[in-house]
Amino acid sequence: QESDAPVTPTTPNPKEKSKKDKNKAADDDDDDGNWTVDVSEAAVRARMQDLTEGAKSMTLSEDSEKNEKQRMDMFYSFLKQRADAGDVEGSKAVNDILHEADRLEVKSRALLVAFEVLVGGNTLAADVKKHRALLLRLARADPKAPRAALHALTALAATNAALLPKVPAALKLLYDLDIVEEKTILEWAAKPSRKFASKEVVADVVRRAQPFIDWLQQADEEDSDDDSEEDIEVSDVTRTSS
């Protein structure tokens, strides 16, 4: 006897499956509607700043990992570009250049680049006076920096023989403008570096610098004598008073 109860199908109804898929898709669309992106001007600007800061951080990290020569080349390109644009004078320009030397970790040798870019062998005095503010800041940026100015002078003399007779005057100018101190000059003369010129040129530069070296040493001796005389006078006054 056949039963009147409906027979449950063993296979899914394709229409029912299609209906369920549509309902699920609609649910998914509703979920997507909950994920909103702030497209206001302030939000976009904030996201762009985050991306920019991230890129800057990555660049800084990459630059610091370069060797010294690569970093010096980068500083040269930076300074040359600014010099060509006439943007190396004034407090803001000087601060920017100091910041770049610091960022690239080349403060101790930045004066080498500055002399190469900004100072000519035939116009040394005028160029040094013109760019004194920058050269002075670079000289004070690192304890080793002033020595770099003397290396730069040697390198200039190596490529411009006309500068050799002017070495004493050039040294006095650097000394008078406080770019290089007496102690640094005397130490350089006693033990000059041969990294920036041939042995013969270095010896010639130091030899020609000797009149200025003698002048410094003589001035030291006179100061020492003056101090001794003051000590004697103080002693005499003390004995007289007693």
Protein backbone atom coordinates (compact mmCIF):
# COMPACT_ATOMS: atom_id res chain seq x y z
CA GLN A 1 0.00 0.00 0.00
CA GLU A 2 1.40 3.37 -1.03
CA SER A 3 1.78 6.06 1.62
CA ASP A 4 0.24 9.51 1.15
CA ALA A 5 3.18 11.19 3.06
CA PRO A 6 5.31 13.43 0.86
CA VAL A 7 8.58 11.97 -0.23
CA THR A 8 11.67 13.91 0.98
CA PRO A 9 13.99 14.50 -1.99
CA THR A 10 17.48 13.06 -1.62
CA THR A 11 19.05 15.73 -3.85
CA PRO A 12 18.89 19.48 -3.21
CA ASN A 13 16.54 21.57 -5.24
CA PRO A 14 18.65 23.75 -7.59
CA LYS A 15 16.22 26.61 -7.22
CA GLU A 16 16.46 26.47 -3.43
CA LYS A 17 20.28 26.51 -3.61
CA SER A 18 20.23 29.49 -5.93
CA LYS A 19 17.89 31.33 -3.57
CA LYS A 20 20.18 30.65 -0.59
CA ASP A 21 23.24 31.87 -2.54
CA LYS A 22 21.44 35.12 -3.36
CA ASN A 23 20.49 35.62 0.26
CA LYS A 24 24.11 35.00 1.36
CA ALA A 25 25.40 37.46 -1.22
CA ALA A 26 22.94 40.04 0.05
CA ASP A 27 24.16 39.42 3.61
CA ASP A 28 27.76 39.85 2.43
CA ASP A 29 26.84 43.13 0.78
CA ASP A 30 25.33 44.28 4.02
CA ASP A 31 28.56 43.37 5.84
CA ASP A 32 30.65 45.29 3.30
CA GLY A 33 28.52 48.30 3.95
CA ASN A 34 29.80 48.38 7.52
CA TRP A 35 33.46 48.89 6.34
CA THR A 36 33.64 52.59 5.57
CA VAL A 37 36.76 54.60 4.66
CA ASP A 38 37.14 58.18 5.82
CA VAL A 39 37.76 60.13 2.64
CA SER A 40 37.68 63.58 4.22
CA GLU A 41 40.52 65.93 3.30
CA ALA A 42 42.02 65.71 6.80
CA ALA A 43 41.95 61.91 6.79
CA VAL A 44 43.54 61.68 3.34
CA ARG A 45 46.22 64.16 4.39
CA ALA A 46 46.93 62.13 7.54
CA ARG A 47 47.31 58.90 5.54
CA MET A 48 49.63 60.60 3.04
CA GLN A 49 51.74 61.96 5.89
CA ASP A 50 52.05 58.48 7.36
CA LEU A 51 53.24 57.16 4.00
CA THR A 52 55.67 60.06 3.59
CA GLU A 53 57.11 59.66 7.08
CA GLY A 54 57.53 55.94 6.46
CA ALA A 55 59.36 56.61 3.21
CA LYS A 56 61.60 59.18 4.92
CA SER A 57 62.43 56.75 7.70
CA MET A 58 63.32 54.08 5.18
CA THR A 59 65.51 56.53 3.22
CA LEU A 60 67.32 57.67 6.36
CA SER A 61 68.02 54.08 7.30
CA GLU A 62 69.29 53.26 3.82
CA ASP A 63 71.54 56.35 3.70
CA SER A 64 73.10 55.63 7.10
CA GLU A 65 74.04 52.15 5.90
CA LYS A 66 76.08 53.49 2.97
CA ASN A 67 79.86 53.70 3.28
CA GLU A 68 81.61 57.01 3.95
CA LYS A 69 82.56 57.66 0.33
CA GLN A 70 78.97 57.19 -0.81
CA ARG A 71 77.72 59.52 1.92
CA MET A 72 80.38 62.11 1.02
CA ASP A 73 79.31 61.89 -2.63
CA MET A 74 75.70 62.44 -1.57
CA PHE A 75 76.68 65.49 0.47
CA TYR A 76 78.71 66.82 -2.48
CA SER A 77 75.70 66.46 -4.81
CA PHE A 78 73.45 68.13 -2.24
CA LEU A 79 75.78 71.10 -1.70
CA LYS A 80 76.63 71.47 -5.41
CA GLN A 81 72.96 71.60 -6.31
CA ARG A 82 72.31 74.29 -3.72
CA ALA A 83 75.40 76.26 -4.76
CA ASP A 84 74.33 76.19 -8.40
CA ALA A 85 70.93 77.50 -7.32
CA GLY A 86 72.57 80.22 -5.20
CA ASP A 87 71.09 78.78 -2.02
CA VAL A 88 74.02 78.45 0.37
CA GLU A 89 73.85 81.77 2.22
CA GLY A 90 71.60 82.93 5.01
CA SER A 91 70.77 81.25 8.30
CA LYS A 92 68.15 78.87 6.86
CA ALA A 93 70.43 77.64 4.08
CA VAL A 94 73.32 77.17 6.51
CA ASN A 95 71.09 75.25 8.92
CA ASP A 96 69.82 73.03 6.10
CA ILE A 97 73.37 72.22 5.01
CA LEU A 98 74.45 71.48 8.58
CA HIS A 99 71.43 69.23 9.00
CA GLU A 100 72.30 67.28 5.85
CA ALA A 101 75.92 66.84 6.98
CA ASP A 102 74.63 65.57 10.30
CA ARG A 103 72.06 63.27 8.67
CA LEU A 104 74.69 61.71 6.42
CA GLU A 105 77.16 61.52 9.32
CA VAL A 106 79.91 63.43 7.48
CA LYS A 107 80.32 66.43 9.80
CA SER A 108 83.99 65.74 10.46
CA ARG A 109 84.85 65.97 6.74
CA ALA A 110 82.13 68.24 5.40
CA LEU A 111 84.60 71.14 5.10
CA LEU A 112 86.48 69.17 2.43
CA VAL A 113 83.36 69.19 0.30
CA ALA A 114 82.54 72.80 1.13
CA PHE A 115 85.96 73.96 -0.04
CA GLU A 116 85.75 71.85 -3.18
CA VAL A 117 82.35 73.27 -4.10
CA LEU A 118 82.56 76.85 -2.84
CA VAL A 119 86.24 77.89 -2.81
CA GLY A 120 88.40 78.40 -5.87
CA GLY A 121 92.19 78.40 -5.88
CA ASN A 122 92.37 81.78 -7.60
CA THR A 123 89.62 83.36 -5.51
CA LEU A 124 90.29 81.69 -2.16
CA ALA A 125 90.32 84.81 0.02
CA ALA A 126 87.13 86.26 -1.46
CA ASP A 127 85.31 82.91 -1.39
CA VAL A 128 86.27 82.11 2.20
CA LYS A 129 85.10 85.55 3.35
CA LYS A 130 81.87 85.22 1.38
CA HIS A 131 81.02 81.84 2.85
CA ARG A 132 82.49 82.39 6.32
CA ALA A 133 79.18 81.76 8.10
CA LEU A 134 78.83 78.29 6.61
CA LEU A 135 82.52 77.38 6.87
CA LEU A 136 82.61 78.48 10.50
CA ARG A 137 79.53 76.43 11.40
CA LEU A 138 80.96 73.38 9.65
CA ALA A 139 84.28 73.87 11.45
CA ARG A 140 82.50 73.88 14.81
CA ALA A 141 80.22 70.97 14.00
CA ASP A 142 82.83 68.36 14.93
CA PRO A 143 86.18 68.42 16.80
CA LYS A 144 87.94 66.94 13.75
CA ALA A 145 86.33 69.30 11.26
CA PRO A 146 88.89 72.18 11.30
CA ARG A 147 91.66 69.80 10.23
CA ALA A 148 89.59 69.10 7.10
CA ALA A 149 89.97 72.77 6.08
CA LEU A 150 93.75 72.33 6.03
CA HIS A 151 93.41 69.12 4.02
CA ALA A 152 91.22 71.07 1.60
CA LEU A 153 93.86 73.79 1.30
CA THR A 154 96.46 71.16 0.46
CA ALA A 155 94.16 69.60 -2.15
CA LEU A 156 93.54 73.02 -3.73
CA ALA A 157 97.28 73.68 -3.91
CA ALA A 158 97.78 70.30 -5.58
CA THR A 159 95.51 71.31 -8.46
CA ASN A 160 96.45 75.00 -8.58
CA ALA A 161 100.16 75.75 -8.34
CA ALA A 162 99.43 79.49 -8.28
CA LEU A 163 98.06 79.00 -4.78
CA LEU A 164 101.32 77.70 -3.34
CA PRO A 165 102.93 81.14 -2.73
CA LYS A 166 99.70 82.23 -1.04
CA VAL A 167 99.65 79.40 1.52
CA PRO A 168 100.83 81.58 4.45
CA ALA A 169 98.20 84.22 3.68
CA ALA A 170 95.53 81.54 3.28
CA LEU A 171 96.41 80.03 6.66
CA LYS A 172 96.35 83.44 8.33
CA LEU A 173 92.94 84.12 6.81
CA LEU A 174 91.51 80.84 8.14
CA TYR A 175 93.08 81.64 11.51
CA ASP A 176 91.80 85.24 11.64
CA LEU A 177 88.27 84.13 10.73
CA ASP A 178 88.33 81.51 13.52
CA ILE A 179 87.78 78.66 11.08
CA VAL A 180 91.01 76.98 12.18
CA GLU A 181 92.72 77.44 15.55
CA GLU A 182 96.41 77.70 16.26
CA LYS A 183 96.68 74.26 17.84
CA THR A 184 95.17 72.59 14.78
CA ILE A 185 97.55 74.40 12.41
CA LEU A 186 100.62 73.46 14.45
CA GLU A 187 99.54 69.83 14.68
CA TRP A 188 98.86 69.73 10.94
CA ALA A 189 102.29 71.21 10.15
CA ALA A 190 104.00 68.70 12.43
CA LYS A 191 102.17 65.73 10.94
CA PRO A 192 100.46 66.55 7.63
CA SER A 193 98.26 64.01 5.89
CA ARG A 194 99.26 62.59 2.51
CA LYS A 195 95.76 61.42 1.60
CA PHE A 196 94.86 64.56 -0.34
CA ALA A 197 97.99 65.27 -2.37
CA SER A 198 101.27 63.70 -3.36
CA LYS A 199 104.13 63.49 -0.91
CA GLU A 200 105.98 66.23 -2.81
CA VAL A 201 103.04 68.64 -2.85
CA VAL A 202 102.34 68.11 0.85
CA ALA A 203 105.99 68.81 1.69
CA ASP A 204 105.91 71.94 -0.48
CA VAL A 205 102.71 73.22 1.16
CA VAL A 206 104.12 72.73 4.66
CA ARG A 207 107.41 74.36 3.66
CA ARG A 208 105.64 77.39 2.27
CA ALA A 209 103.47 77.54 5.40
CA GLN A 210 106.55 77.81 7.61
CA PRO A 211 106.63 81.64 7.84
CA PHE A 212 103.13 81.60 9.30
CA ILE A 213 104.01 78.68 11.59
CA ASP A 214 107.02 80.67 12.84
CA TRP A 215 104.80 83.69 13.44
CA LEU A 216 102.39 81.62 15.54
CA GLN A 217 105.18 80.10 17.60
CA GLN A 218 106.83 83.49 18.10
CA ALA A 219 103.53 84.95 19.26
CA ASP A 220 103.23 82.07 21.74
CA GLU A 221 106.71 82.79 23.10
CA GLU A 222 105.92 86.49 23.51
CA ASP A 223 102.70 85.65 25.33
CA SER A 224 104.66 83.31 27.56
CA ASP A 225 107.22 86.05 28.31
CA ASP A 226 104.44 88.50 29.12
CA ASP A 227 102.92 86.00 31.55
CA SER A 228 106.32 85.53 33.22
CA GLU A 229 106.76 89.30 33.63
CA GLU A 230 103.32 89.56 35.18
CA ASP A 231 104.22 86.79 37.63
CA ILE A 232 107.42 88.62 38.57
CA GLU A 233 105.55 91.89 39.09
CA VAL A 234 102.97 90.18 41.26
CA SER A 235 105.76 88.56 43.32
CA ASP A 236 107.52 91.93 43.76
CA VAL A 237 104.32 93.56 44.91
CA THR A 238 103.71 90.74 47.36
CA ARG A 239 107.20 91.03 48.85
CA THR A 240 106.92 94.83 49.11
CA SER A 241 103.58 94.56 50.86
CA SER A 242 104.92 92.13 53.37
